[in-house]
Amino acid sequence: MIIAGIHVIRRLLFVVALILNTLIIPGVFNLINLVPVLVFKRSFPIASNTYYLWSKINAWILFRLHPCQWELPNVDNYHQQHSIIISNHKSWLDILIISSLLQPKMPIIFFVMKSSLKWSLPMIGFSSYLFGYPMFSRPSYQAIKHNPALAQADITALKVSFNRTKPYQCYCLFPEGTRINRIDRVLGPPKYTALANLINLMRQQNQPFNIIDIDIVYPKHQASLSEFITQSTRMKIQLTQLDSSSFPDTQRYETDIASRGKFQRYFKRYWQQKAQRMTLS
């Protein structure tokens, strides 16, 4: 009974701490960087330190304050290097988990996000926009049919973000998108275009880069942040280092059907292996 009561208190403190960290630090970041970003297209150097501080506080809130028992991987071998991170995805809690786990070991992670989150995530959404995260609109087939230019809108947003000056290129994307309504499956089917274009941008730099796959293993049937807060008792995170040179040619992904099919078949097979690995975890 006493332990259960302590867990309830820790969950309540987790909610309060998460709300405060979500509002205060991103709020300060927005105030400091609003004019520099909109006028000069760049943020103050202090922005990076603000982001790392936010991630460190989140790490304590997630991994120490919440009563969930975490099984975390060793991240000591990860360092400042060009990187692509892929992960399964259920809710925006995944962004907190990934940034809390890998920062500040790795460069600042630019998450590929839906443009609607710019306004629907309090403070954090607008901070992400100011920071230069690629915001995807994911236009429907009908919208593209009406306006073919929309077909390249998301890739253009990715390239604009990628071409911003920064010490290292480090991006995280969720190939399956958000599948909060498909909790009956370990993984949803992947999307390929953003990943293929991101790998191609990395290769064009002619510099080594990592591809890191993260398995976020939730308890069965858990899908949302609210369920994590009230129900979660155990979580497991796994990291897998992938060989970037093993991925097929991406230079002609957009223009050559054979190249596109080869890349999609390769990654579909890997995604199926990931699903099997997570099922056994």
Foldseek 3Di string as FASTA:
>chain_A
DVVVVLLVVLLVVLVVLVVCLLAPLLVVQCVQAVCCCVPVVDGDPCSQVSLLVSLQSLLCSPPPRHQAAEAEDDQVPAAEAAEEEEEAAQECVVVSVVSNRCPPRYGDEQEEEALVQLPVRPSVSVSSVSNLRQHQPPDDPVVCVVPVVNVCVSVVSVVVSQPDDDPYHHYYYYQQPHCNVPLVAQHHQGHDDVVLSVLVVVVVVVDDYWYKYKYWQFPRPDRYPVCCSPPHHYIYMDIDTDDSVPQFDSPCCPPDPVSVVSNSVVVRVVVVVVRVVSVVD
